[in-house]
Amino acid sequence: IVEGSENGKRTVDESDLRVYLEKWDKTYWPTYKVLDILQKVFY
């Protein structure tokens, strides 16, 4: 939001917030998937 709004000077829209989603999913999706598999196998 800070980056998309240029430090609060502009409005933001959904595309700015999707930058966060894309970065999050790229970084942490493998972690969530591996732990999901481990739980299904060992619990």
All heavy atoms as atom14 arrays in JSON, in Angstrom:
{
  "sequence": "IVEGSENGKRTVDESDLRVYLEKWDKTYWPTYKVLDILQKVFY",
  "atom14_mask": [
    [1, 1, 1, 1, 1, 1, 1, 1, 0, 0, 0, 0, 0, 0],
    [1, 1, 1, 1, 1, 1, 1, 0, 0, 0, 0, 0, 0, 0],
    [1, 1, 1, 1, 1, 1, 1, 1, 1, 0, 0, 0, 0, 0],
    [1, 1, 1, 1, 0, 0, 0, 0, 0, 0, 0, 0, 0, 0],
    [1, 1, 1, 1, 1, 1, 0, 0, 0, 0, 0, 0, 0, 0],
    [1, 1, 1, 1, 1, 1, 1, 1, 1, 0, 0, 0, 0, 0],
    [1, 1, 1, 1, 1, 1, 1, 1, 0, 0, 0, 0, 0, 0],
    [1, 1, 1, 1, 0, 0, 0, 0, 0, 0, 0, 0, 0, 0],
    [1, 1, 1, 1, 1, 1, 1, 1, 1, 0, 0, 0, 0, 0],
    [1, 1, 1, 1, 1, 1, 1, 1, 1, 1, 1, 0, 0, 0],
    [1, 1, 1, 1, 1, 1, 1, 0, 0, 0, 0, 0, 0, 0],
    [1, 1, 1, 1, 1, 1, 1, 0, 0, 0, 0, 0, 0, 0],
    [1, 1, 1, 1, 1, 1, 1, 1, 0, 0, 0, 0, 0, 0],
    [1, 1, 1, 1, 1, 1, 1, 1, 1, 0, 0, 0, 0, 0],
    [1, 1, 1, 1, 1, 1, 0, 0, 0, 0, 0, 0, 0, 0],
    [1, 1, 1, 1, 1, 1, 1, 1, 0, 0, 0, 0, 0, 0],
    [1, 1, 1, 1, 1, 1, 1, 1, 0, 0, 0, 0, 0, 0],
    [1, 1, 1, 1, 1, 1, 1, 1, 1, 1, 1, 0, 0, 0],
    [1, 1, 1, 1, 1, 1, 1, 0, 0, 0, 0, 0, 0, 0],
    [1, 1, 1, 1, 1, 1, 1, 1, 1, 1, 1, 1, 0, 0],
    [1, 1, 1, 1, 1, 1, 1, 1, 0, 0, 0, 0, 0, 0],
    [1, 1, 1, 1, 1, 1, 1, 1, 1, 0, 0, 0, 0, 0],
    [1, 1, 1, 1, 1, 1, 1, 1, 1, 0, 0, 0, 0, 0],
    [1, 1, 1, 1, 1, 1, 1, 1, 1, 1, 1, 1, 1, 1],
    [1, 1, 1, 1, 1, 1, 1, 1, 0, 0, 0, 0, 0, 0],
    [1, 1, 1, 1, 1, 1, 1, 1, 1, 0, 0, 0, 0, 0],
    [1, 1, 1, 1, 1, 1, 1, 0, 0, 0, 0, 0, 0, 0],
    [1, 1, 1, 1, 1, 1, 1, 1, 1, 1, 1, 1, 0, 0],
    [1, 1, 1, 1, 1, 1, 1, 1, 1, 1, 1, 1, 1, 1],
    [1, 1, 1, 1, 1, 1, 1, 0, 0, 0, 0, 0, 0, 0],
    [1, 1, 1, 1, 1, 1, 1, 0, 0, 0, 0, 0, 0, 0],
    [1, 1, 1, 1, 1, 1, 1, 1, 1, 1, 1, 1, 0, 0],
    [1, 1, 1, 1, 1, 1, 1, 1, 1, 0, 0, 0, 0, 0],
    [1, 1, 1, 1, 1, 1, 1, 0, 0, 0, 0, 0, 0, 0],
    [1, 1, 1, 1, 1, 1, 1, 1, 0, 0, 0, 0, 0, 0],
    [1, 1, 1, 1, 1, 1, 1, 1, 0, 0, 0, 0, 0, 0],
    [1, 1, 1, 1, 1, 1, 1, 1, 0, 0, 0, 0, 0, 0],
    [1, 1, 1, 1, 1, 1, 1, 1, 0, 0, 0, 0, 0, 0],
    [1, 1, 1, 1, 1, 1, 1, 1, 1, 0, 0, 0, 0, 0],
    [1, 1, 1, 1, 1, 1, 1, 1, 1, 0, 0, 0, 0, 0],
    [1, 1, 1, 1, 1, 1, 1, 0, 0, 0, 0, 0, 0, 0],
    [1, 1, 1, 1, 1, 1, 1, 1, 1, 1, 1, 0, 0, 0],
    [1, 1, 1, 1, 1, 1, 1, 1, 1, 1, 1, 1, 0, 0]
  ],
  "atom14_positions": [
    [[0.83, -1.21, 0.0], [0.0, 0.0, 0.0], [0.87, 1.26, 0.0], [0.6, 2.21, -0.73], [-0.95, -0.01, 1.21], [-1.99, -1.12, 1.06], [-1.63, 1.34, 1.38], [-2.89, -1.3, 2.27], [0.0, 0.0, 0.0], [0.0, 0.0, 0.0], [0.0, 0.0, 0.0], [0.0, 0.0, 0.0], [0.0, 0.0, 0.0], [0.0, 0.0, 0.0]],
    [[1.92, 1.24, 0.8], [2.82, 2.4, 0.84], [3.44, 2.64, -0.53], [3.49, 3.78, -1.03], [3.91, 2.19, 1.91], [5.0, 3.27, 1.8], [3.31, 2.21, 3.31], [0.0, 0.0, 0.0], [0.0, 0.0, 0.0], [0.0, 0.0, 0.0], [0.0, 0.0, 0.0], [0.0, 0.0, 0.0], [0.0, 0.0, 0.0], [0.0, 0.0, 0.0]],
    [[3.92, 1.57, -1.15], [4.55, 1.71, -2.46], [3.53, 2.12, -3.52], [3.79, 3.02, -4.33], [5.21, 0.38, -2.86], [5.91, 0.44, -4.22], [6.55, -0.88, -4.6], [6.51, -1.82, -3.79], [7.09, -0.97, -5.73], [0.0, 0.0, 0.0], [0.0, 0.0, 0.0], [0.0, 0.0, 0.0], [0.0, 0.0, 0.0], [0.0, 0.0, 0.0]],
    [[2.37, 1.46, -3.53], [1.37, 1.78, -4.55], [0.82, 3.18, -4.43], [0.45, 3.79, -5.44], [0.0, 0.0, 0.0], [0.0, 0.0, 0.0], [0.0, 0.0, 0.0], [0.0, 0.0, 0.0], [0.0, 0.0, 0.0], [0.0, 0.0, 0.0], [0.0, 0.0, 0.0], [0.0, 0.0, 0.0], [0.0, 0.0, 0.0], [0.0, 0.0, 0.0]],
    [[0.76, 3.7, -3.21], [0.22, 5.05, -2.99], [1.3, 6.13, -3.05], [0.98, 7.3, -2.84], [-0.48, 5.11, -1.64], [0.46, 5.01, -0.58], [0.0, 0.0, 0.0], [0.0, 0.0, 0.0], [0.0, 0.0, 0.0], [0.0, 0.0, 0.0], [0.0, 0.0, 0.0], [0.0, 0.0, 0.0], [0.0, 0.0, 0.0], [0.0, 0.0, 0.0]],
    [[2.53, 5.72, -3.3], [3.65, 6.67, -3.29], [3.69, 7.43, -1.97], [3.64, 8.64, -1.9], [3.58, 7.62, -4.49], [3.7, 6.91, -5.84], [3.62, 7.85, -7.03], [3.47, 9.07, -6.82], [3.71, 7.36, -8.16], [0.0, 0.0, 0.0], [0.0, 0.0, 0.0], [0.0, 0.0, 0.0], [0.0, 0.0, 0.0], [0.0, 0.0, 0.0]],
    [[3.75, 6.63, -0.9], [3.81, 7.16, 0.47], [2.6, 8.01, 0.84], [2.71, 9.06, 1.48], [5.1, 7.95, 0.7], [6.33, 7.07, 0.59], [6.95, 6.97, -0.46], [6.66, 6.4, 1.68], [0.0, 0.0, 0.0], [0.0, 0.0, 0.0], [0.0, 0.0, 0.0], [0.0, 0.0, 0.0], [0.0, 0.0, 0.0], [0.0, 0.0, 0.0]],
    [[1.44, 7.5, 0.43], [0.2, 8.14, 0.84], [-0.26, 9.28, -0.03], [-1.26, 9.94, 0.31], [0.0, 0.0, 0.0], [0.0, 0.0, 0.0], [0.0, 0.0, 0.0], [0.0, 0.0, 0.0], [0.0, 0.0, 0.0], [0.0, 0.0, 0.0], [0.0, 0.0, 0.0], [0.0, 0.0, 0.0], [0.0, 0.0, 0.0], [0.0, 0.0, 0.0]],
    [[0.38, 9.52, -1.15], [0.04, 10.67, -2.0], [-1.03, 10.33, -3.04], [-1.71, 11.22, -3.54], [1.28, 11.2, -2.7], [2.41, 11.61, -1.75], [1.95, 12.61, -0.71], [3.09, 12.99, 0.24], [2.61, 13.87, 1.33], [0.0, 0.0, 0.0], [0.0, 0.0, 0.0], [0.0, 0.0, 0.0], [0.0, 0.0, 0.0], [0.0, 0.0, 0.0]],
    [[-1.16, 9.03, -3.38], [-2.14, 8.62, -4.38], [-3.11, 7.6, -3.79], [-2.82, 6.98, -2.77], [-1.43, 7.99, -5.59], [-0.59, 8.95, -6.4], [-0.03, 8.25, -7.63], [0.78, 9.14, -8.45], [0.3, 9.98, -9.37], [-1.02, 10.01, -9.59], [1.08, 10.76, -10.07], [0.0, 0.0, 0.0], [0.0, 0.0, 0.0], [0.0, 0.0, 0.0]],
    [[-4.23, 7.44, -4.44], [-5.16, 6.38, -4.03], [-4.61, 5.03, -4.48], [-3.71, 4.96, -5.32], [-6.55, 6.6, -4.66], [-6.43, 6.58, -6.08], [-7.14, 7.92, -4.2], [0.0, 0.0, 0.0], [0.0, 0.0, 0.0], [0.0, 0.0, 0.0], [0.0, 0.0, 0.0], [0.0, 0.0, 0.0], [0.0, 0.0, 0.0], [0.0, 0.0, 0.0]],
    [[-5.15, 3.96, -3.92], [-4.75, 2.61, -4.32], [-5.97, 1.86, -4.83], [-7.11, 2.27, -4.59], [-4.11, 1.84, -3.14], [-2.79, 2.46, -2.74], [-5.07, 1.76, -1.95], [0.0, 0.0, 0.0], [0.0, 0.0, 0.0], [0.0, 0.0, 0.0], [0.0, 0.0, 0.0], [0.0, 0.0, 0.0], [0.0, 0.0, 0.0], [0.0, 0.0, 0.0]],
    [[-5.71, 0.76, -5.54], [-6.8, -0.1, -5.98], [-6.39, -1.56, -5.81], [-5.35, -1.85, -5.22], [-7.23, 0.23, -7.42], [-6.1, 0.05, -8.42], [-5.18, -0.77, -8.16], [-6.12, 0.7, -9.48], [0.0, 0.0, 0.0], [0.0, 0.0, 0.0], [0.0, 0.0, 0.0], [0.0, 0.0, 0.0], [0.0, 0.0, 0.0], [0.0, 0.0, 0.0]],
    [[-7.2, -2.45, -6.34], [-6.96, -3.87, -6.11], [-5.62, -4.34, -6.66], [-4.99, -5.24, -6.09], [-8.09, -4.68, -6.76], [-7.99, -6.17, -6.45], [-9.24, -6.93, -6.86], [-10.35, -6.4, -6.67], [-9.09, -8.06, -7.36], [0.0, 0.0, 0.0], [0.0, 0.0, 0.0], [0.0, 0.0, 0.0], [0.0, 0.0, 0.0], [0.0, 0.0, 0.0]],
    [[-5.14, -3.73, -7.73], [-3.86, -4.17, -8.3], [-2.71, -3.95, -7.33], [-1.76, -4.74, -7.28], [-3.59, -3.44, -9.62], [-3.36, -2.06, -9.4], [0.0, 0.0, 0.0], [0.0, 0.0, 0.0], [0.0, 0.0, 0.0], [0.0, 0.0, 0.0], [0.0, 0.0, 0.0], [0.0, 0.0, 0.0], [0.0, 0.0, 0.0], [0.0, 0.0, 0.0]],
    [[-2.78, -2.89, -6.53], [-1.73, -2.64, -5.53], [-1.74, -3.72, -4.46], [-0.69, -4.2, -4.03], [-1.94, -1.27, -4.89], [-1.81, -0.12, -5.87], [-0.73, 0.01, -6.48], [-2.79, 0.62, -6.05], [0.0, 0.0, 0.0], [0.0, 0.0, 0.0], [0.0, 0.0, 0.0], [0.0, 0.0, 0.0], [0.0, 0.0, 0.0], [0.0, 0.0, 0.0]],
    [[-2.93, -4.11, -4.02], [-3.02, -5.12, -2.98], [-2.64, -6.5, -3.51], [-2.13, -7.34, -2.76], [-4.44, -5.14, -2.41], [-4.9, -3.81, -1.78], [-6.29, -3.96, -1.18], [-3.92, -3.34, -0.72], [0.0, 0.0, 0.0], [0.0, 0.0, 0.0], [0.0, 0.0, 0.0], [0.0, 0.0, 0.0], [0.0, 0.0, 0.0], [0.0, 0.0, 0.0]],
    [[-2.86, -6.73, -4.79], [-2.48, -8.02, -5.36], [-0.95, -8.17, -5.47], [-0.45, -9.3, -5.58], [-3.15, -8.24, -6.71], [-4.63, -8.53, -6.56], [-5.22, -9.23, -7.76], [-6.61, -9.59, -7.47], [-6.98, -10.67, -6.82], [-6.06, -11.52, -6.38], [-8.25, -10.93, -6.58], [0.0, 0.0, 0.0], [0.0, 0.0, 0.0], [0.0, 0.0, 0.0]],
    [[-0.24, -7.09, -5.44], [1.22, -7.17, -5.38], [1.63, -7.92, -4.11], [2.54, -8.77, -4.13], [1.85, -5.77, -5.43], [3.35, -5.83, -5.12], [1.62, -5.13, -6.79], [0.0, 0.0, 0.0], [0.0, 0.0, 0.0], [0.0, 0.0, 0.0], [0.0, 0.0, 0.0], [0.0, 0.0, 0.0], [0.0, 0.0, 0.0], [0.0, 0.0, 0.0]],
    [[0.97, -7.6, -3.01], [1.23, -8.3, -1.74], [0.89, -9.78, -1.87], [1.68, -10.65, -1.46], [0.43, -7.64, -0.62], [-0.28, -8.57, 0.33], [0.42, -9.4, 1.2], [-1.68, -8.63, 0.37], [-0.24, -10.26, 2.07], [-2.35, -9.47, 1.23], [-1.63, -10.29, 2.08], [-2.29, -11.14, 2.94], [0.0, 0.0, 0.0], [0.0, 0.0, 0.0]],
    [[-0.27, -10.11, -2.46], [-0.68, -11.51, -2.59], [0.31, -12.31, -3.43], [0.69, -13.42, -3.08], [-2.05, -11.6, -3.24], [-3.29, -11.57, -2.36], [-4.49, -12.05, -3.16], [-3.12, -12.42, -1.12], [0.0, 0.0, 0.0], [0.0, 0.0, 0.0], [0.0, 0.0, 0.0], [0.0, 0.0, 0.0], [0.0, 0.0, 0.0], [0.0, 0.0, 0.0]],
    [[0.72, -11.74, -4.55], [1.64, -12.44, -5.44], [2.97, -12.71, -4.76], [3.54, -13.8, -4.87], [1.84, -11.63, -6.72], [0.59, -11.55, -7.59], [0.73, -10.56, -8.74], [1.8, -9.92, -8.83], [-0.22, -10.43, -9.52], [0.0, 0.0, 0.0], [0.0, 0.0, 0.0], [0.0, 0.0, 0.0], [0.0, 0.0, 0.0], [0.0, 0.0, 0.0]],
    [[3.47, -11.73, -4.04], [4.74, -11.89, -3.34], [4.6, -12.93, -2.23], [5.48, -13.78, -2.04], [5.17, -10.54, -2.75], [6.53, -10.57, -2.06], [6.91, -9.18, -1.58], [8.26, -9.21, -0.86], [8.62, -7.86, -0.35], [0.0, 0.0, 0.0], [0.0, 0.0, 0.0], [0.0, 0.0, 0.0], [0.0, 0.0, 0.0], [0.0, 0.0, 0.0]],
    [[3.49, -12.89, -1.51], [3.27, -13.85, -0.42], [3.2, -15.27, -0.95], [3.86, -16.17, -0.42], [1.98, -13.48, 0.31], [1.63, -14.47, 1.38], [0.84, -15.58, 1.24], [2.11, -14.49, 2.73], [0.78, -16.27, 2.43], [1.55, -15.62, 3.35], [2.93, -13.63, 3.46], [1.8, -15.93, 4.68], [3.18, -13.94, 4.79], [2.63, -15.08, 5.39]],
    [[2.39, -15.47, -1.96], [2.21, -16.82, -2.49], [3.51, -17.38, -3.06], [3.82, -18.56, -2.88], [1.12, -16.83, -3.55], [-0.26, -16.56, -2.98], [-0.4, -16.57, -1.74], [-1.19, -16.32, -3.77], [0.0, 0.0, 0.0], [0.0, 0.0, 0.0], [0.0, 0.0, 0.0], [0.0, 0.0, 0.0], [0.0, 0.0, 0.0], [0.0, 0.0, 0.0]],
    [[4.25, -16.56, -3.74], [5.51, -17.02, -4.32], [6.5, -17.41, -3.23], [7.24, -18.4, -3.37], [6.11, -15.91, -5.19], [7.42, -16.32, -5.86], [7.94, -15.2, -6.75], [9.25, -15.62, -7.42], [9.77, -14.54, -8.3], [0.0, 0.0, 0.0], [0.0, 0.0, 0.0], [0.0, 0.0, 0.0], [0.0, 0.0, 0.0], [0.0, 0.0, 0.0]],
    [[6.51, -16.69, -2.13], [7.49, -16.92, -1.06], [7.11, -18.1, -0.18], [7.97, -18.92, 0.18], [7.64, -15.66, -0.19], [7.99, -14.56, -1.03], [8.73, -15.85, 0.86], [0.0, 0.0, 0.0], [0.0, 0.0, 0.0], [0.0, 0.0, 0.0], [0.0, 0.0, 0.0], [0.0, 0.0, 0.0], [0.0, 0.0, 0.0], [0.0, 0.0, 0.0]],
    [[5.82, -18.22, 0.18], [5.45, -19.16, 1.25], [4.57, -20.33, 0.82], [4.34, -21.24, 1.63], [4.75, -18.39, 2.38], [5.67, -17.39, 3.03], [5.44, -16.02, 2.92], [6.8, -17.81, 3.72], [6.3, -15.1, 3.51], [7.66, -16.91, 4.3], [7.41, -15.55, 4.2], [8.27, -14.64, 4.77], [0.0, 0.0, 0.0], [0.0, 0.0, 0.0]],
    [[4.08, -20.34, -0.43], [3.24, -21.47, -0.84], [3.93, -22.81, -0.65], [3.32, -23.76, -0.14], [2.79, -21.3, -2.29], [1.94, -22.44, -2.75], [0.59, -22.59, -2.6], [2.38, -23.62, -3.42], [0.17, -23.78, -3.14], [1.24, -24.45, -3.64], [3.63, -24.08, -3.86], [1.33, -25.67, -4.29], [3.71, -25.3, -4.49], [2.57, -26.08, -4.71]],
    [[5.22, -22.97, -1.01], [5.87, -24.29, -0.82], [5.87, -24.74, 0.64], [5.67, -25.92, 0.93], [7.3, -24.06, -1.34], [7.17, -22.92, -2.3], [6.13, -22.03, -1.7], [0.0, 0.0, 0.0], [0.0, 0.0, 0.0], [0.0, 0.0, 0.0], [0.0, 0.0, 0.0], [0.0, 0.0, 0.0], [0.0, 0.0, 0.0], [0.0, 0.0, 0.0]],
    [[6.09, -23.81, 1.57], [6.1, -24.15, 2.99], [4.75, -24.71, 3.42], [4.67, -25.75, 4.09], [6.44, -22.92, 3.84], [7.76, -22.48, 3.5], [6.39, -23.24, 5.33], [0.0, 0.0, 0.0], [0.0, 0.0, 0.0], [0.0, 0.0, 0.0], [0.0, 0.0, 0.0], [0.0, 0.0, 0.0], [0.0, 0.0, 0.0], [0.0, 0.0, 0.0]],
    [[3.68, -24.03, 3.04], [2.34, -24.48, 3.43], [2.01, -25.84, 2.81], [1.41, -26.7, 3.46], [1.3, -23.44, 3.01], [1.23, -22.26, 3.94], [2.14, -21.21, 3.84], [0.28, -22.19, 4.94], [2.09, -20.13, 4.7], [0.21, -21.11, 5.81], [1.13, -20.08, 5.68], [1.08, -19.01, 6.54], [0.0, 0.0, 0.0], [0.0, 0.0, 0.0]],
    [[2.4, -26.04, 1.58], [2.08, -27.28, 0.89], [2.82, -28.46, 1.51], [2.24, -29.54, 1.72], [2.42, -27.16, -0.59], [1.85, -28.29, -1.45], [0.33, -28.3, -1.39], [-0.25, -29.41, -2.26], [-1.72, -29.47, -2.14], [0.0, 0.0, 0.0], [0.0, 0.0, 0.0], [0.0, 0.0, 0.0], [0.0, 0.0, 0.0], [0.0, 0.0, 0.0]],
    [[4.12, -28.29, 1.78], [4.92, -29.37, 2.37], [4.36, -29.77, 3.74], [4.21, -30.96, 4.05], [6.4, -28.96, 2.49], [7.17, -29.93, 3.38], [7.05, -28.91, 1.11], [0.0, 0.0, 0.0], [0.0, 0.0, 0.0], [0.0, 0.0, 0.0], [0.0, 0.0, 0.0], [0.0, 0.0, 0.0], [0.0, 0.0, 0.0], [0.0, 0.0, 0.0]],
    [[4.04, -28.78, 4.58], [3.51, -29.08, 5.9], [2.12, -29.72, 5.83], [1.77, -30.54, 6.68], [3.49, -27.82, 6.76], [4.88, -27.3, 7.15], [4.77, -25.95, 7.87], [5.61, -28.3, 8.02], [0.0, 0.0, 0.0], [0.0, 0.0, 0.0], [0.0, 0.0, 0.0], [0.0, 0.0, 0.0], [0.0, 0.0, 0.0], [0.0, 0.0, 0.0]],
    [[1.35, -29.34, 4.83], [0.06, -29.98, 4.62], [0.23, -31.47, 4.31], [-0.47, -32.33, 4.86], [-0.67, -29.28, 3.47], [-2.05, -29.84, 3.21], [-2.71, -30.27, 4.18], [-2.48, -29.86, 2.04], [0.0, 0.0, 0.0], [0.0, 0.0, 0.0], [0.0, 0.0, 0.0], [0.0, 0.0, 0.0], [0.0, 0.0, 0.0], [0.0, 0.0, 0.0]],
    [[1.2, -31.78, 3.45], [1.47, -33.18, 3.11], [1.96, -33.95, 4.33], [1.53, -35.08, 4.59], [2.5, -33.25, 1.96], [1.9, -32.67, 0.68], [2.97, -34.68, 1.74], [2.89, -32.5, -0.45], [0.0, 0.0, 0.0], [0.0, 0.0, 0.0], [0.0, 0.0, 0.0], [0.0, 0.0, 0.0], [0.0, 0.0, 0.0], [0.0, 0.0, 0.0]],
    [[2.87, -33.35, 5.09], [3.39, -34.03, 6.28], [2.28, -34.36, 7.26], [2.26, -35.45, 7.85], [4.45, -33.14, 6.96], [5.81, -33.05, 6.28], [6.7, -32.08, 7.03], [6.47, -34.42, 6.2], [0.0, 0.0, 0.0], [0.0, 0.0, 0.0], [0.0, 0.0, 0.0], [0.0, 0.0, 0.0], [0.0, 0.0, 0.0], [0.0, 0.0, 0.0]],
    [[1.34, -33.43, 7.46], [0.25, -33.68, 8.38], [-0.62, -34.84, 7.89], [-1.04, -35.71, 8.69], [-0.6, -32.43, 8.57], [-1.77, -32.65, 9.53], [-2.37, -31.34, 10.04], [-1.67, -30.35, 10.16], [-3.65, -31.34, 10.34], [0.0, 0.0, 0.0], [0.0, 0.0, 0.0], [0.0, 0.0, 0.0], [0.0, 0.0, 0.0], [0.0, 0.0, 0.0]],
    [[-0.9, -34.87, 6.59], [-1.73, -35.93, 6.05], [-1.04, -37.3, 6.15], [-1.7, -38.32, 6.35], [-2.08, -35.62, 4.6], [-3.05, -34.46, 4.45], [-3.3, -34.12, 2.99], [-4.29, -32.96, 2.86], [-4.47, -32.55, 1.45], [0.0, 0.0, 0.0], [0.0, 0.0, 0.0], [0.0, 0.0, 0.0], [0.0, 0.0, 0.0], [0.0, 0.0, 0.0]],
    [[0.28, -37.32, 6.0], [1.01, -38.58, 6.03], [1.22, -39.1, 7.45], [0.98, -40.27, 7.74], [2.37, -38.44, 5.31], [3.23, -39.68, 5.51], [2.16, -38.19, 3.82], [0.0, 0.0, 0.0], [0.0, 0.0, 0.0], [0.0, 0.0, 0.0], [0.0, 0.0, 0.0], [0.0, 0.0, 0.0], [0.0, 0.0, 0.0], [0.0, 0.0, 0.0]],
    [[1.65, -38.2, 8.35], [2.12, -38.66, 9.66], [1.12, -38.48, 10.8], [1.33, -39.02, 11.88], [3.43, -37.95, 10.02], [4.59, -38.39, 9.18], [5.15, -37.55, 8.25], [5.11, -39.67, 9.32], [6.23, -37.95, 7.47], [6.18, -40.09, 8.54], [6.74, -39.22, 7.62], [0.0, 0.0, 0.0], [0.0, 0.0, 0.0], [0.0, 0.0, 0.0]],
    [[0.05, -37.72, 10.62], [-0.91, -37.53, 11.7], [-2.17, -38.37, 11.51], [-3.15, -38.18, 12.21], [-1.31, -36.05, 11.8], [-0.28, -35.15, 12.46], [1.0, -35.59, 12.74], [-0.59, -33.84, 12.8], [1.94, -34.76, 13.32], [0.34, -33.0, 13.39], [1.61, -33.47, 13.64], [2.54, -32.65, 14.22], [0.0, 0.0, 0.0], [0.0, 0.0, 0.0]]
  ]
}
